[in-house]
């Protein structure tokens, strides 16, 4: 019996040892599976993170392209408006030049001008010359108008002949009423 009991003990030890071995193999296998799951989860998270990063990167690129298109459209619109404004300014400059020359010739042919007409005439010339960068084409006409005597007022009031030959203002329109004295008053007939 002792041989059988040895065999049984060996068998029991084998079973118990095998069970422990199986348990040990199962524990190692479970640990390896857990490690693989964690690794897979980390890879999945990393992949999700990369996907989100790529998605955000694509959205940023789309936005940059949209912004670039809009900026180009705005620049084109600004260029068109700038050209339109320059064209309108040139047209306005030509209209002012025509009006200044027409009125100047009219006043010169009448050989006199009212104070208000001269003031308005100079306002137009200043707009043409200073604001619209006119080139001085009207300066000769302006000088001719500045040399005209002031016309008597329409309602029978008195006017001044301020640009008579002895006037010392030198054509400076800011001094048009220089050298005034009571002998300069002329009644309109």
C-alpha atoms as a PDB file:
ATOM      1  CA  UNK A   1       0.000   0.000   0.000  1.00  0.00           C
ATOM      2  CA  UNK A   2       2.684   2.224   0.518  1.00  0.00           C
ATOM      3  CA  UNK A   3       3.468   2.079  -3.180  1.00  0.00           C
ATOM      4  CA  UNK A   4      -0.096   2.920  -3.964  1.00  0.00           C
ATOM      5  CA  UNK A   5      -0.228   5.642  -1.451  1.00  0.00           C
ATOM      6  CA  UNK A   6       2.933   7.017  -2.890  1.00  0.00           C
ATOM      7  CA  UNK A   7       1.350   6.938  -6.275  1.00  0.00           C
ATOM      8  CA  UNK A   8      -1.764   8.572  -4.897  1.00  0.00           C
ATOM      9  CA  UNK A   9       0.298  11.175  -3.112  1.00  0.00           C
ATOM     10  CA  UNK A  10       2.257  11.772  -6.267  1.00  0.00           C
ATOM     11  CA  UNK A  11      -0.981  11.906  -8.159  1.00  0.00           C
ATOM     12  CA  UNK A  12      -2.457  14.323  -5.614  1.00  0.00           C
ATOM     13  CA  UNK A  13       0.717  16.329  -5.699  1.00  0.00           C
ATOM     14  CA  UNK A  14       0.568  16.313  -9.443  1.00  0.00           C
ATOM     15  CA  UNK A  15      -3.028  17.405  -9.390  1.00  0.00           C
ATOM     16  CA  UNK A  16      -2.396  20.011  -6.740  1.00  0.00           C
ATOM     17  CA  UNK A  17       0.850  21.033  -8.402  1.00  0.00           C
ATOM     18  CA  UNK A  18      -0.842  21.020 -11.761  1.00  0.00           C
ATOM     19  CA  UNK A  19      -3.686  23.075 -10.318  1.00  0.00           C
ATOM     20  CA  UNK A  20      -1.210  25.539  -8.903  1.00  0.00           C
ATOM     21  CA  UNK A  21       0.601  25.536 -12.211  1.00  0.00           C
ATOM     22  CA  UNK A  22      -2.637  26.076 -14.089  1.00  0.00           C
ATOM     23  CA  UNK A  23      -3.587  28.798 -11.641  1.00  0.00           C
ATOM     24  CA  UNK A  24      -0.183  30.344 -12.077  1.00  0.00           C
ATOM     25  CA  UNK A  25      -0.451  30.114 -15.860  1.00  0.00           C
ATOM     26  CA  UNK A  26      -3.981  31.561 -15.687  1.00  0.00           C
ATOM     27  CA  UNK A  27      -2.762  34.426 -13.444  1.00  0.00           C
ATOM     28  CA  UNK A  28       0.084  35.184 -15.855  1.00  0.00           C
ATOM     29  CA  UNK A  29      -2.326  34.917 -18.774  1.00  0.00           C
ATOM     30  CA  UNK A  30      -4.823  37.262 -17.035  1.00  0.00           C
ATOM     31  CA  UNK A  31      -2.058  39.691 -16.206  1.00  0.00           C
ATOM     32  CA  UNK A  32      -0.863  39.618 -19.822  1.00  0.00           C
ATOM     33  CA  UNK A  33      -4.455  40.152 -21.077  1.00  0.00           C
ATOM     34  CA  UNK A  34      -4.924  43.042 -18.635  1.00  0.00           C
ATOM     35  CA  UNK A  35      -1.678  44.578 -19.843  1.00  0.00           C
ATOM     36  CA  UNK A  36      -2.771  44.116 -23.464  1.00  0.00           C
ATOM     37  CA  UNK A  37      -6.166  45.700 -22.686  1.00  0.00           C
ATOM     38  CA  UNK A  38      -4.503  48.676 -21.026  1.00  0.00           C
ATOM     39  CA  UNK A  39      -2.118  49.009 -23.942  1.00  0.00           C
ATOM     40  CA  UNK A  40      -5.064  48.813 -26.355  1.00  0.00           C
ATOM     41  CA  UNK A  41      -6.968  51.412 -24.311  1.00  0.00           C
ATOM     42  CA  UNK A  42      -3.941  53.727 -24.331  1.00  0.00           C
ATOM     43  CA  UNK A  43      -3.547  53.216 -28.059  1.00  0.00           C
ATOM     44  CA  UNK A  44      -7.272  53.891 -28.552  1.00  0.00           C
ATOM     45  CA  UNK A  45      -7.047  57.064 -26.476  1.00  0.00           C
ATOM     46  CA  UNK A  46      -3.948  58.155 -28.367  1.00  0.00           C
ATOM     47  CA  UNK A  47      -5.688  57.399 -31.648  1.00  0.00           C
ATOM     48  CA  UNK A  48      -8.783  59.378 -30.543  1.00  0.00           C
ATOM     49  CA  UNK A  49      -6.532  62.224 -29.460  1.00  0.00           C
ATOM     50  CA  UNK A  50      -4.756  62.169 -32.833  1.00  0.00           C
ATOM     51  CA  UNK A  51      -8.095  62.021 -34.641  1.00  0.00           C
ATOM     52  CA  UNK A  52      -9.377  65.026 -32.659  1.00  0.00           C
ATOM     53  CA  UNK A  53      -6.114  66.875 -33.284  1.00  0.00           C
ATOM     54  CA  UNK A  54      -6.359  66.133 -37.003  1.00  0.00           C
ATOM     55  CA  UNK A  55     -10.018  67.177 -37.045  1.00  0.00           C
ATOM     56  CA  UNK A  56      -9.217  70.446 -35.261  1.00  0.00           C
ATOM     57  CA  UNK A  57      -6.247  70.973 -37.597  1.00  0.00           C
ATOM     58  CA  UNK A  58      -8.506  70.486 -40.624  1.00  0.00           C
ATOM     59  CA  UNK A  59     -11.049  72.937 -39.180  1.00  0.00           C
ATOM     60  CA  UNK A  60      -8.280  75.475 -38.550  1.00  0.00           C
ATOM     61  CA  UNK A  61      -7.043  75.067 -42.134  1.00  0.00           C
ATOM     62  CA  UNK A  62     -10.604  75.456 -43.466  1.00  0.00           C
ATOM     63  CA  UNK A  63     -11.023  78.600 -41.376  1.00  0.00           C
ATOM     64  CA  UNK A  64      -7.680  79.978 -42.599  1.00  0.00           C
ATOM     65  CA  UNK A  65      -8.710  79.332 -46.198  1.00  0.00           C
ATOM     66  CA  UNK A  66     -12.096  80.993 -45.555  1.00  0.00           C
ATOM     67  CA  UNK A  67     -10.406  83.962 -43.879  1.00  0.00           C
ATOM     68  CA  UNK A  68      -7.932  84.278 -46.755  1.00  0.00           C
ATOM     69  CA  UNK A  69     -10.784  84.230 -49.304  1.00  0.00           C
ATOM     70  CA  UNK A  70     -12.731  86.861 -47.344  1.00  0.00           C
ATOM     71  CA  UNK A  71      -9.650  89.064 -46.941  1.00  0.00           C
ATOM     72  CA  UNK A  72      -9.004  88.827 -50.677  1.00  0.00           C
ATOM     73  CA  UNK A  73     -12.643  89.734 -51.387  1.00  0.00           C
ATOM     74  CA  UNK A  74     -12.404  92.722 -49.026  1.00  0.00           C
ATOM     75  CA  UNK A  75      -9.105  93.862 -50.544  1.00  0.00           C
ATOM     76  CA  UNK A  76     -10.619  93.602 -54.030  1.00  0.00           C
ATOM     77  CA  UNK A  77     -13.669  95.560 -52.883  1.00  0.00           C
ATOM     78  CA  UNK A  78     -11.475  98.235 -51.291  1.00  0.00           C
ATOM     79  CA  UNK A  79      -9.427  98.456 -54.498  1.00  0.00           C
ATOM     80  CA  UNK A  80     -12.604  98.855 -56.593  1.00  0.00           C
ATOM     81  CA  UNK A  81     -13.980 101.498 -54.213  1.00  0.00           C
ATOM     82  CA  UNK A  82     -10.650 103.344 -54.198  1.00  0.00           C
ATOM     83  CA  UNK A  83     -10.622 103.365 -58.000  1.00  0.00           C
ATOM     84  CA  UNK A  84     -14.252 104.521 -58.062  1.00  0.00           C
ATOM     85  CA  UNK A  85     -13.480 107.332 -55.604  1.00  0.00           C
ATOM     86  CA  UNK A  86     -10.468 108.424 -57.666  1.00  0.00           C
ATOM     87  CA  UNK A  87     -12.617 108.394 -60.801  1.00  0.00           C
ATOM     88  CA  UNK A  88     -15.314 110.448 -59.088  1.00  0.00           C
ATOM     89  CA  UNK A  89     -12.708 112.890 -57.777  1.00  0.00           C
ATOM     90  CA  UNK A  90     -11.282 113.332 -61.274  1.00  0.00           C
ATOM     91  CA  UNK A  91     -14.777 113.884 -62.668  1.00  0.00           C
ATOM     92  CA  UNK A  92     -15.540 116.363 -59.873  1.00  0.00           C
ATOM     93  CA  UNK A  93     -12.247 118.128 -60.549  1.00  0.00           C
ATOM     94  CA  UNK A  94     -13.141 118.517 -64.235  1.00  0.00           C
ATOM     95  CA  UNK A  95     -16.608 119.828 -63.369  1.00  0.00           C
ATOM     96  CA  UNK A  96     -15.110 122.361 -60.946  1.00  0.00           C
ATOM     97  CA  UNK A  97     -12.564 123.452 -63.542  1.00  0.00           C
ATOM     98  CA  UNK A  98     -15.303 123.888 -66.152  1.00  0.00           C
ATOM     99  CA  UNK A  99     -17.514 125.818 -63.718  1.00  0.00           C
ATOM    100  CA  UNK A 100     -14.624 128.043 -62.563  1.00  0.00           C
ATOM    101  CA  UNK A 101     -13.582 128.852 -66.132  1.00  0.00           C
ATOM    102  CA  UNK A 102     -17.185 129.482 -67.217  1.00  0.00           C
ATOM    103  CA  UNK A 103     -18.014 131.739 -64.253  1.00  0.00           C
ATOM    104  CA  UNK A 104     -14.627 133.491 -64.424  1.00  0.00           C
ATOM    105  CA  UNK A 105     -15.110 134.329 -68.096  1.00  0.00           C
ATOM    106  CA  UNK A 106     -18.659 135.482 -67.355  1.00  0.00           C
ATOM    107  CA  UNK A 107     -17.510 137.786 -64.542  1.00  0.00           C
ATOM    108  CA  UNK A 108     -14.617 139.112 -66.607  1.00  0.00           C
ATOM    109  CA  UNK A 109     -16.951 139.878 -69.535  1.00  0.00           C
ATOM    110  CA  UNK A 110     -19.302 141.706 -67.111  1.00  0.00           C
ATOM    111  CA  UNK A 111     -16.252 143.617 -65.783  1.00  0.00           C
ATOM    112  CA  UNK A 112     -17.468 143.445 -62.197  1.00  0.00           C
ATOM    113  CA  UNK A 113     -18.398 140.893 -59.524  1.00  0.00           C
ATOM    114  CA  UNK A 114     -20.338 140.959 -56.260  1.00  0.00           C
ATOM    115  CA  UNK A 115     -18.567 140.208 -53.010  1.00  0.00           C
ATOM    116  CA  UNK A 116     -20.592 137.018 -52.469  1.00  0.00           C
ATOM    117  CA  UNK A 117     -19.977 135.841 -56.047  1.00  0.00           C
ATOM    118  CA  UNK A 118     -16.238 136.352 -55.567  1.00  0.00           C
ATOM    119  CA  UNK A 119     -16.352 134.523 -52.238  1.00  0.00           C
ATOM    120  CA  UNK A 120     -18.219 131.556 -53.767  1.00  0.00           C
ATOM    121  CA  UNK A 121     -15.894 131.631 -56.768  1.00  0.00           C
ATOM    122  CA  UNK A 122     -12.881 131.339 -54.465  1.00  0.00           C
ATOM    123  CA  UNK A 123     -14.524 128.581 -52.451  1.00  0.00           C
ATOM    124  CA  UNK A 124     -14.955 126.576 -55.666  1.00  0.00           C
ATOM    125  CA  UNK A 125     -11.373 127.298 -56.688  1.00  0.00           C
ATOM    126  CA  UNK A 126     -10.053 126.288 -53.262  1.00  0.00           C
ATOM    127  CA  UNK A 127     -11.993 123.029 -53.468  1.00  0.00           C
ATOM    128  CA  UNK A 128     -10.661 122.394 -56.984  1.00  0.00           C
ATOM    129  CA  UNK A 129      -7.072 123.393 -56.273  1.00  0.00           C
ATOM    130  CA  UNK A 130      -6.513 122.337 -52.653  1.00  0.00           C
ATOM    131  CA  UNK A 131      -8.928 119.497 -51.908  1.00  0.00           C
ATOM    132  CA  UNK A 132      -9.053 117.825 -55.337  1.00  0.00           C
ATOM    133  CA  UNK A 133      -5.396 118.584 -56.174  1.00  0.00           C
ATOM    134  CA  UNK A 134      -6.159 120.662 -59.241  1.00  0.00           C
ATOM    135  CA  UNK A 135      -3.092 121.540 -61.276  1.00  0.00           C
ATOM    136  CA  UNK A 136      -3.473 125.329 -61.517  1.00  0.00           C
ATOM    137  CA  UNK A 137      -5.256 125.452 -64.883  1.00  0.00           C
ATOM    138  CA  UNK A 138      -7.731 127.968 -63.468  1.00  0.00           C
ATOM    139  CA  UNK A 139      -5.196 130.280 -61.807  1.00  0.00           C
ATOM    140  CA  UNK A 140      -5.129 132.720 -64.745  1.00  0.00           C
ATOM    141  CA  UNK A 141      -8.932 133.064 -64.681  1.00  0.00           C
ATOM    142  CA  UNK A 142      -8.884 133.468 -60.883  1.00  0.00           C
ATOM    143  CA  UNK A 143      -6.325 136.252 -61.168  1.00  0.00           C
ATOM    144  CA  UNK A 144      -8.544 137.968 -63.750  1.00  0.00           C
ATOM    145  CA  UNK A 145     -11.598 137.678 -61.482  1.00  0.00           C
ATOM    146  CA  UNK A 146      -9.588 138.988 -58.512  1.00  0.00           C
ATOM    147  CA  UNK A 147      -8.694 142.098 -60.462  1.00  0.00           C
ATOM    148  CA  UNK A 148     -12.382 142.947 -61.084  1.00  0.00           C
ATOM    149  CA  UNK A 149     -14.027 145.721 -59.087  1.00  0.00           C
ATOM    150  CA  UNK A 150     -16.800 144.769 -56.688  1.00  0.00           C
ATOM    151  CA  UNK A 151     -20.251 145.212 -58.148  1.00  0.00           C
ATOM    152  CA  UNK A 152     -22.864 147.320 -56.354  1.00  0.00           C
ATOM    153  CA  UNK A 153     -25.335 145.364 -54.321  1.00  0.00           C
ATOM    154  CA  UNK A 154     -28.625 144.362 -55.938  1.00  0.00           C
ATOM    155  CA  UNK A 155     -30.968 146.191 -53.558  1.00  0.00           C
ATOM    156  CA  UNK A 156     -29.651 149.705 -54.164  1.00  0.00           C
ATOM    157  CA  UNK A 157     -27.081 149.370 -51.384  1.00  0.00           C
ATOM    158  CA  UNK A 158     -23.577 150.607 -51.812  1.00  0.00           C
ATOM    159  CA  UNK A 159     -20.617 148.526 -52.924  1.00  0.00           C
ATOM    160  CA  UNK A 160     -16.886 149.108 -52.901  1.00  0.00           C
ATOM    161  CA  UNK A 161     -14.500 149.442 -55.791  1.00  0.00           C
ATOM    162  CA  UNK A 162     -11.643 147.834 -53.906  1.00  0.00           C
ATOM    163  CA  UNK A 163      -9.416 146.903 -56.829  1.00  0.00           C
ATOM    164  CA  UNK A 164      -8.861 150.251 -58.401  1.00  0.00           C
ATOM    165  CA  UNK A 165      -5.477 150.953 -59.898  1.00  0.00           C
ATOM    166  CA  UNK A 166      -4.041 152.426 -56.702  1.00  0.00           C
ATOM    167  CA  UNK A 167      -5.069 149.424 -54.504  1.00  0.00           C
ATOM    168  CA  UNK A 168      -2.007 148.094 -52.689  1.00  0.00           C
ATOM    169  CA  UNK A 169      -3.350 144.639 -51.793  1.00  0.00           C
ATOM    170  CA  UNK A 170      -1.241 143.031 -54.522  1.00  0.00           C
ATOM    171  CA  UNK A 171      -4.067 140.719 -55.584  1.00  0.00           C
ATOM    172  CA  UNK A 172      -4.091 139.000 -52.192  1.00  0.00           C
ATOM    173  CA  UNK A 173      -7.732 138.050 -51.820  1.00  0.00           C
ATOM    174  CA  UNK A 174      -7.524 138.146 -48.022  1.00  0.00           C
ATOM    175  CA  UNK A 175      -6.958 141.916 -48.356  1.00  0.00           C
ATOM    176  CA  UNK A 176      -9.711 142.664 -50.865  1.00  0.00           C
ATOM    177  CA  UNK A 177     -11.242 145.311 -48.662  1.00  0.00           C
ATOM    178  CA  UNK A 178      -7.968 147.117 -48.055  1.00  0.00           C
ATOM    179  CA  UNK A 179      -7.627 150.920 -48.274  1.00  0.00           C
ATOM    180  CA  UNK A 180     -11.318 151.503 -47.648  1.00  0.00           C
ATOM    181  CA  UNK A 181     -12.388 155.064 -47.011  1.00  0.00           C
ATOM    182  CA  UNK A 182     -15.586 156.992 -47.413  1.00  0.00           C
ATOM    183  CA  UNK A 183     -14.581 158.202 -50.908  1.00  0.00           C
ATOM    184  CA  UNK A 184     -14.786 154.566 -52.116  1.00  0.00           C
ATOM    185  CA  UNK A 185     -18.549 154.320 -51.563  1.00  0.00           C
ATOM    186  CA  UNK A 186     -20.432 154.400 -54.865  1.00  0.00           C
ATOM    187  CA  UNK A 187     -24.198 154.467 -55.105  1.00  0.00           C
ATOM    188  CA  UNK A 188     -25.863 152.193 -57.643  1.00  0.00           C
ATOM    189  CA  UNK A 189     -27.979 153.994 -60.169  1.00  0.00           C
END
